[in-house]
Amino acid sequence: MILADIPAIAKATFLVLAALFPIVNPLGSAAIFLNMVGSLDQRTNQLLSKRIAIYSFFILIVSLLCGVEILSFFGISIYAVQIGGGLIVSATGWALLNRPSGTPTATSKVEPHEAFGNAFYPYTLPITVGPGSISVAITLGAHLTASLRVHSILSPLVLIAAVLGIVLVCVMVYFCYCYARLAEVALGQTGTEVVMRLSSFILLCIGIQIICSGVRAYLFTVRP
């Protein structure tokens, strides 16, 4: 049964990857991550990147499989998640954009215990996996059951496609975060500063766009 469904599973896996990769944006998020963690030794950076990737996996898989039920249980609408999360993303982008320049990231002192303490918030949520990613994952959960022609979100076909797609995204997150320092060395101080500022501005814009999407969805529900 599973062997006969391999083409459908592969198509659904690619759908999950294609939908989540642009909004998670591991390359852009890695620049923000590097700006926030400052100087860490390679071993600590690897462990931190691994932890962020694992946290991201669980957030995305829970959102995809249980997101609709969780929101319904607490009486929270998807647009409330978008507006609240968008505010957090915008505030983070604004703070990074206005961080004083002239201090190289490589000389910033961040203690390992402090970095690991921030692994979930804000490094994973909302920097890596924000409200946009969660919204997309929740939408995918509803879409996969229809595309795979099954009646339950816990169908083996949905589970395989969801896990494979999200694992691929999180593996990319791990490698982008783990080797962000090499990209910084290649770009140099000036190039890194440009990338940091541009990434911070994009993060701010993403947060505002998420807020606008939430407001638009809310206005649509109350429109007579």
C-alpha atoms as a PDB file:
ATOM      1  CA  MET A   1       0.000   0.000   0.000  1.00  0.00           C
ATOM      2  CA  ILE A   2       2.724   2.449   0.995  1.00  0.00           C
ATOM      3  CA  LEU A   3       4.881   1.479  -2.013  1.00  0.00           C
ATOM      4  CA  ALA A   4       2.022   2.218  -4.383  1.00  0.00           C
ATOM      5  CA  ASP A   5       1.597   5.630  -2.772  1.00  0.00           C
ATOM      6  CA  ILE A   6       5.261   6.673  -3.043  1.00  0.00           C
ATOM      7  CA  PRO A   7       4.635   9.133  -5.936  1.00  0.00           C
ATOM      8  CA  ALA A   8       1.823  10.819  -3.986  1.00  0.00           C
ATOM      9  CA  ILE A   9       3.959  10.955  -0.832  1.00  0.00           C
ATOM     10  CA  ALA A  10       6.889  12.431  -2.779  1.00  0.00           C
ATOM     11  CA  LYS A  11       4.614  15.078  -4.284  1.00  0.00           C
ATOM     12  CA  ALA A  12       3.159  15.957  -0.875  1.00  0.00           C
ATOM     13  CA  THR A  13       6.653  16.066   0.670  1.00  0.00           C
ATOM     14  CA  PHE A  14       7.783  18.494  -2.012  1.00  0.00           C
ATOM     15  CA  LEU A  15       4.661  20.579  -1.346  1.00  0.00           C
ATOM     16  CA  VAL A  16       5.556  20.838   2.349  1.00  0.00           C
ATOM     17  CA  LEU A  17       9.158  21.748   1.514  1.00  0.00           C
ATOM     18  CA  ALA A  18       8.182  24.283  -1.163  1.00  0.00           C
ATOM     19  CA  ALA A  19       5.616  25.955   1.087  1.00  0.00           C
ATOM     20  CA  LEU A  20       7.759  26.182   4.231  1.00  0.00           C
ATOM     21  CA  PHE A  21      11.231  26.887   2.842  1.00  0.00           C
ATOM     22  CA  PRO A  22      10.561  30.439   1.551  1.00  0.00           C
ATOM     23  CA  ILE A  23       8.872  31.582   4.751  1.00  0.00           C
ATOM     24  CA  VAL A  24      11.368  29.888   7.105  1.00  0.00           C
ATOM     25  CA  ASN A  25      14.161  31.250   4.870  1.00  0.00           C
ATOM     26  CA  PRO A  26      17.142  29.553   6.565  1.00  0.00           C
ATOM     27  CA  LEU A  27      19.681  31.705   4.701  1.00  0.00           C
ATOM     28  CA  GLY A  28      18.130  34.997   5.777  1.00  0.00           C
ATOM     29  CA  SER A  29      17.404  33.740   9.284  1.00  0.00           C
ATOM     30  CA  ALA A  30      21.030  32.638   9.642  1.00  0.00           C
ATOM     31  CA  ALA A  31      22.169  36.242   9.207  1.00  0.00           C
ATOM     32  CA  ILE A  32      19.769  37.371  11.946  1.00  0.00           C
ATOM     33  CA  PHE A  33      20.897  34.479  14.155  1.00  0.00           C
ATOM     34  CA  LEU A  34      24.547  35.408  13.687  1.00  0.00           C
ATOM     35  CA  ASN A  35      23.778  39.015  14.559  1.00  0.00           C
ATOM     36  CA  MET A  36      22.093  37.958  17.797  1.00  0.00           C
ATOM     37  CA  VAL A  37      24.453  35.278  19.115  1.00  0.00           C
ATOM     38  CA  GLY A  38      27.672  37.141  18.445  1.00  0.00           C
ATOM     39  CA  SER A  39      30.875  35.206  19.139  1.00  0.00           C
ATOM     40  CA  LEU A  40      30.520  31.506  19.899  1.00  0.00           C
ATOM     41  CA  ASP A  41      33.043  28.719  19.504  1.00  0.00           C
ATOM     42  CA  GLN A  42      32.298  26.260  16.698  1.00  0.00           C
ATOM     43  CA  ARG A  43      31.306  23.397  19.007  1.00  0.00           C
ATOM     44  CA  THR A  44      28.825  25.546  20.933  1.00  0.00           C
ATOM     45  CA  ASN A  45      27.454  26.935  17.683  1.00  0.00           C
ATOM     46  CA  GLN A  46      26.918  23.401  16.336  1.00  0.00           C
ATOM     47  CA  LEU A  47      25.059  22.304  19.459  1.00  0.00           C
ATOM     48  CA  LEU A  48      22.962  25.470  19.476  1.00  0.00           C
ATOM     49  CA  SER A  49      22.125  25.082  15.780  1.00  0.00           C
ATOM     50  CA  LYS A  50      21.117  21.469  16.374  1.00  0.00           C
ATOM     51  CA  ARG A  51      18.857  22.459  19.256  1.00  0.00           C
ATOM     52  CA  ILE A  52      17.203  25.202  17.191  1.00  0.00           C
ATOM     53  CA  ALA A  53      16.615  22.759  14.326  1.00  0.00           C
ATOM     54  CA  ILE A  54      15.022  20.244  16.727  1.00  0.00           C
ATOM     55  CA  TYR A  55      12.811  22.898  18.310  1.00  0.00           C
ATOM     56  CA  SER A  56      11.801  24.079  14.838  1.00  0.00           C
ATOM     57  CA  PHE A  57      10.864  20.536  13.830  1.00  0.00           C
ATOM     58  CA  PHE A  58       8.558  20.037  16.800  1.00  0.00           C
ATOM     59  CA  ILE A  59       6.900  23.436  16.398  1.00  0.00           C
ATOM     60  CA  LEU A  60       6.219  22.830  12.711  1.00  0.00           C
ATOM     61  CA  ILE A  61       5.058  19.212  13.042  1.00  0.00           C
ATOM     62  CA  VAL A  62       2.730  20.041  15.948  1.00  0.00           C
ATOM     63  CA  SER A  63       1.372  23.044  14.043  1.00  0.00           C
ATOM     64  CA  LEU A  64       0.760  20.922  10.951  1.00  0.00           C
ATOM     65  CA  LEU A  65      -0.843  17.971  12.716  1.00  0.00           C
ATOM     66  CA  CYS A  66      -2.598  19.641  15.657  1.00  0.00           C
ATOM     67  CA  GLY A  67      -2.660  23.355  14.881  1.00  0.00           C
ATOM     68  CA  VAL A  68      -6.339  23.637  14.005  1.00  0.00           C
ATOM     69  CA  GLU A  69      -7.430  21.648  17.076  1.00  0.00           C
ATOM     70  CA  ILE A  70      -5.159  23.624  19.432  1.00  0.00           C
ATOM     71  CA  LEU A  71      -6.436  26.971  18.165  1.00  0.00           C
ATOM     72  CA  SER A  72     -10.045  25.781  18.410  1.00  0.00           C
ATOM     73  CA  PHE A  73      -9.520  24.527  21.979  1.00  0.00           C
ATOM     74  CA  PHE A  74      -8.282  27.918  23.182  1.00  0.00           C
ATOM     75  CA  GLY A  75     -10.705  29.856  21.020  1.00  0.00           C
ATOM     76  CA  ILE A  76      -7.852  31.537  19.149  1.00  0.00           C
ATOM     77  CA  SER A  77      -8.267  32.476  15.513  1.00  0.00           C
ATOM     78  CA  ILE A  78      -5.485  32.221  12.970  1.00  0.00           C
ATOM     79  CA  TYR A  79      -5.549  35.976  12.409  1.00  0.00           C
ATOM     80  CA  ALA A  80      -4.910  36.551  16.128  1.00  0.00           C
ATOM     81  CA  VAL A  81      -1.783  34.398  15.820  1.00  0.00           C
ATOM     82  CA  GLN A  82      -0.723  36.404  12.773  1.00  0.00           C
ATOM     83  CA  ILE A  83      -1.248  39.797  14.422  1.00  0.00           C
ATOM     84  CA  GLY A  84       0.388  38.861  17.741  1.00  0.00           C
ATOM     85  CA  GLY A  85       3.267  37.038  16.117  1.00  0.00           C
ATOM     86  CA  GLY A  86       3.736  39.779  13.548  1.00  0.00           C
ATOM     87  CA  LEU A  87       4.156  42.322  16.337  1.00  0.00           C
ATOM     88  CA  ILE A  88       6.913  40.208  17.905  1.00  0.00           C
ATOM     89  CA  VAL A  89       8.692  39.734  14.571  1.00  0.00           C
ATOM     90  CA  SER A  90       8.447  43.452  13.780  1.00  0.00           C
ATOM     91  CA  ALA A  91       9.784  44.434  17.202  1.00  0.00           C
ATOM     92  CA  THR A  92      12.724  42.044  16.799  1.00  0.00           C
ATOM     93  CA  GLY A  93      13.524  43.379  13.329  1.00  0.00           C
ATOM     94  CA  TRP A  94      13.302  46.982  14.543  1.00  0.00           C
ATOM     95  CA  ALA A  95      15.634  46.306  17.489  1.00  0.00           C
ATOM     96  CA  LEU A  96      18.216  44.628  15.246  1.00  0.00           C
ATOM     97  CA  LEU A  97      17.928  47.341  12.611  1.00  0.00           C
ATOM     98  CA  ASN A  98      18.677  50.029  15.193  1.00  0.00           C
ATOM     99  CA  ARG A  99      21.516  48.170  16.890  1.00  0.00           C
ATOM    100  CA  PRO A 100      24.608  50.417  16.985  1.00  0.00           C
ATOM    101  CA  SER A 101      27.007  49.694  14.152  1.00  0.00           C
ATOM    102  CA  GLY A 102      30.761  49.689  14.259  1.00  0.00           C
ATOM    103  CA  THR A 103      31.053  46.691  16.576  1.00  0.00           C
ATOM    104  CA  PRO A 104      31.945  43.552  14.661  1.00  0.00           C
ATOM    105  CA  THR A 105      29.757  40.573  15.393  1.00  0.00           C
ATOM    106  CA  ALA A 106      32.790  38.380  15.925  1.00  0.00           C
ATOM    107  CA  THR A 107      33.867  40.396  18.986  1.00  0.00           C
ATOM    108  CA  SER A 108      30.463  40.397  20.686  1.00  0.00           C
ATOM    109  CA  LYS A 109      30.614  38.403  23.896  1.00  0.00           C
ATOM    110  CA  VAL A 110      27.746  35.955  24.417  1.00  0.00           C
ATOM    111  CA  GLU A 111      28.054  33.327  27.113  1.00  0.00           C
ATOM    112  CA  PRO A 112      27.157  29.772  26.017  1.00  0.00           C
ATOM    113  CA  HIS A 113      24.610  29.342  28.832  1.00  0.00           C
ATOM    114  CA  GLU A 114      22.913  32.562  27.751  1.00  0.00           C
ATOM    115  CA  ALA A 115      22.817  31.424  24.126  1.00  0.00           C
ATOM    116  CA  PHE A 116      21.302  28.041  25.066  1.00  0.00           C
ATOM    117  CA  GLY A 117      18.818  29.818  27.318  1.00  0.00           C
ATOM    118  CA  ASN A 118      17.642  31.770  24.285  1.00  0.00           C
ATOM    119  CA  ALA A 119      17.563  28.718  22.004  1.00  0.00           C
ATOM    120  CA  PHE A 120      13.775  28.456  22.020  1.00  0.00           C
ATOM    121  CA  TYR A 121      12.916  32.149  22.378  1.00  0.00           C
ATOM    122  CA  PRO A 122      13.872  34.133  20.418  1.00  0.00           C
ATOM    123  CA  TYR A 123      16.269  32.060  18.252  1.00  0.00           C
ATOM    124  CA  THR A 124      13.701  29.417  17.301  1.00  0.00           C
ATOM    125  CA  LEU A 125      10.476  31.346  17.866  1.00  0.00           C
ATOM    126  CA  PRO A 126      10.018  33.812  16.205  1.00  0.00           C
ATOM    127  CA  ILE A 127      13.369  34.212  14.373  1.00  0.00           C
ATOM    128  CA  THR A 128      13.503  30.780  12.733  1.00  0.00           C
ATOM    129  CA  VAL A 129       9.899  29.613  12.922  1.00  0.00           C
ATOM    130  CA  GLY A 130       7.571  32.576  13.213  1.00  0.00           C
ATOM    131  CA  PRO A 131       3.812  33.090  12.929  1.00  0.00           C
ATOM    132  CA  GLY A 132       4.057  32.970   9.149  1.00  0.00           C
ATOM    133  CA  SER A 133       5.611  29.497   9.251  1.00  0.00           C
ATOM    134  CA  ILE A 134       3.074  28.316  11.816  1.00  0.00           C
ATOM    135  CA  SER A 135       0.184  29.638   9.722  1.00  0.00           C
ATOM    136  CA  VAL A 136       1.529  27.884   6.627  1.00  0.00           C
ATOM    137  CA  ALA A 137       2.005  24.633   8.573  1.00  0.00           C
ATOM    138  CA  ILE A 138      -1.564  24.766   9.885  1.00  0.00           C
ATOM    139  CA  THR A 139      -2.869  25.373   6.371  1.00  0.00           C
ATOM    140  CA  LEU A 140      -0.774  22.491   5.031  1.00  0.00           C
ATOM    141  CA  GLY A 141      -2.289  20.182   7.624  1.00  0.00           C
ATOM    142  CA  ALA A 142      -5.732  20.805   6.185  1.00  0.00           C
ATOM    143  CA  HIS A 143      -4.492  20.634   2.593  1.00  0.00           C
ATOM    144  CA  LEU A 144      -2.514  17.387   2.820  1.00  0.00           C
ATOM    145  CA  THR A 145      -5.544  15.317   3.769  1.00  0.00           C
ATOM    146  CA  ALA A 146      -7.301  16.490   0.612  1.00  0.00           C
ATOM    147  CA  SER A 147      -4.292  16.164  -1.704  1.00  0.00           C
ATOM    148  CA  LEU A 148      -3.535  12.632  -0.469  1.00  0.00           C
ATOM    149  CA  ARG A 149      -7.248  11.724  -0.463  1.00  0.00           C
ATOM    150  CA  VAL A 150      -7.341  10.556   3.124  1.00  0.00           C
ATOM    151  CA  HIS A 151      -9.815  11.386   5.863  1.00  0.00           C
ATOM    152  CA  SER A 152      -7.495  11.774   8.858  1.00  0.00           C
ATOM    153  CA  ILE A 153      -4.547  14.055   9.524  1.00  0.00           C
ATOM    154  CA  LEU A 154      -2.983  11.069  11.339  1.00  0.00           C
ATOM    155  CA  SER A 155      -3.031   8.920   8.214  1.00  0.00           C
ATOM    156  CA  PRO A 156       0.367   7.256   7.561  1.00  0.00           C
ATOM    157  CA  LEU A 157       0.569   9.017   4.192  1.00  0.00           C
ATOM    158  CA  VAL A 158       0.135  12.448   5.778  1.00  0.00           C
ATOM    159  CA  LEU A 159       2.548  11.636   8.606  1.00  0.00           C
ATOM    160  CA  ILE A 160       5.278  10.433   6.236  1.00  0.00           C
ATOM    161  CA  ALA A 161       4.956  13.440   3.914  1.00  0.00           C
ATOM    162  CA  ALA A 162       4.797  15.920   6.808  1.00  0.00           C
ATOM    163  CA  VAL A 163       7.784  14.451   8.654  1.00  0.00           C
ATOM    164  CA  LEU A 164       9.957  14.177   5.537  1.00  0.00           C
ATOM    165  CA  GLY A 165       9.176  17.706   4.342  1.00  0.00           C
ATOM    166  CA  ILE A 166       9.746  19.311   7.727  1.00  0.00           C
ATOM    167  CA  VAL A 167      12.927  17.300   8.355  1.00  0.00           C
ATOM    168  CA  LEU A 168      14.369  18.610   5.083  1.00  0.00           C
ATOM    169  CA  VAL A 169      13.581  22.199   6.095  1.00  0.00           C
ATOM    170  CA  CYS A 170      15.127  21.734   9.546  1.00  0.00           C
ATOM    171  CA  VAL A 171      18.267  20.107   8.119  1.00  0.00           C
ATOM    172  CA  MET A 172      18.726  23.218   5.974  1.00  0.00           C
ATOM    173  CA  VAL A 173      18.225  25.376   9.070  1.00  0.00           C
ATOM    174  CA  TYR A 174      20.925  23.420  10.897  1.00  0.00           C
ATOM    175  CA  PHE A 175      23.534  23.747   8.159  1.00  0.00           C
ATOM    176  CA  CYS A 176      22.802  27.427   7.481  1.00  0.00           C
ATOM    177  CA  TYR A 177      23.072  28.299  11.175  1.00  0.00           C
ATOM    178  CA  CYS A 178      26.020  26.022  11.846  1.00  0.00           C
ATOM    179  CA  TYR A 179      28.145  27.503   9.063  1.00  0.00           C
ATOM    180  CA  ALA A 180      26.909  31.103   9.176  1.00  0.00           C
ATOM    181  CA  ARG A 181      30.295  32.125  10.599  1.00  0.00           C
ATOM    182  CA  LEU A 182      32.068  30.918   7.448  1.00  0.00           C
ATOM    183  CA  ALA A 183      29.799  33.150   5.380  1.00  0.00           C
ATOM    184  CA  GLU A 184      30.683  36.059   7.661  1.00  0.00           C
ATOM    185  CA  VAL A 185      34.402  35.461   7.090  1.00  0.00           C
ATOM    186  CA  ALA A 186      33.871  35.277   3.329  1.00  0.00           C
ATOM    187  CA  LEU A 187      31.851  38.517   3.262  1.00  0.00           C
ATOM    188  CA  GLY A 188      34.168  40.488   5.525  1.00  0.00           C
ATOM    189  CA  GLN A 189      33.148  43.079   8.115  1.00  0.00           C
ATOM    190  CA  THR A 190      31.557  45.538   5.680  1.00  0.00           C
ATOM    191  CA  GLY A 191      29.723  42.864   3.717  1.00  0.00           C
ATOM    192  CA  THR A 192      28.468  41.247   6.904  1.00  0.00           C
ATOM    193  CA  GLU A 193      27.198  44.597   8.192  1.00  0.00           C
ATOM    194  CA  VAL A 194      25.289  45.157   4.942  1.00  0.00           C
ATOM    195  CA  VAL A 195      23.736  41.680   5.093  1.00  0.00           C
ATOM    196  CA  MET A 196      22.811  42.135   8.768  1.00  0.00           C
ATOM    197  CA  ARG A 197      21.068  45.467   8.156  1.00  0.00           C
ATOM    198  CA  LEU A 198      19.294  44.207   5.055  1.00  0.00           C
ATOM    199  CA  SER A 199      18.151  41.029   6.815  1.00  0.00           C
ATOM    200  CA  SER A 200      16.919  43.060   9.789  1.00  0.00           C
ATOM    201  CA  PHE A 201      14.945  45.343   7.481  1.00  0.00           C
ATOM    202  CA  ILE A 202      13.450  42.345   5.675  1.00  0.00           C
ATOM    203  CA  LEU A 203      12.519  40.821   9.044  1.00  0.00           C
ATOM    204  CA  LEU A 204      10.765  44.063   9.995  1.00  0.00           C
ATOM    205  CA  CYS A 205       8.874  44.061   6.688  1.00  0.00           C
ATOM    206  CA  ILE A 206       7.907  40.407   7.109  1.00  0.00           C
ATOM    207  CA  GLY A 207       6.478  41.189  10.537  1.00  0.00           C
ATOM    208  CA  ILE A 208       4.448  44.090   9.159  1.00  0.00           C
ATOM    209  CA  GLN A 209       3.203  41.936   6.279  1.00  0.00           C
ATOM    210  CA  ILE A 210       2.105  39.234   8.728  1.00  0.00           C
ATOM    211  CA  ILE A 211       0.232  41.855  10.768  1.00  0.00           C
ATOM    212  CA  CYS A 212      -1.464  43.162   7.610  1.00  0.00           C
ATOM    213  CA  SER A 213      -2.484  39.627   6.637  1.00  0.00           C
ATOM    214  CA  GLY A 214      -3.996  39.065  10.069  1.00  0.00           C
ATOM    215  CA  VAL A 215      -5.861  42.386  10.027  1.00  0.00           C
ATOM    216  CA  ARG A 216      -7.151  41.688   6.513  1.00  0.00           C
ATOM    217  CA  ALA A 217      -8.360  38.233   7.576  1.00  0.00           C
ATOM    218  CA  TYR A 218     -10.087  39.722  10.616  1.00  0.00           C
ATOM    219  CA  LEU A 219     -11.805  42.453   8.598  1.00  0.00           C
ATOM    220  CA  PHE A 220     -13.007  39.817   6.139  1.00  0.00           C
ATOM    221  CA  THR A 221     -14.686  37.861   8.960  1.00  0.00           C
ATOM    222  CA  VAL A 222     -16.508  40.905  10.394  1.00  0.00           C
ATOM    223  CA  ARG A 223     -17.482  42.392   7.042  1.00  0.00           C
ATOM    224  CA  PRO A 224     -21.279  42.310   6.619  1.00  0.00           C
END
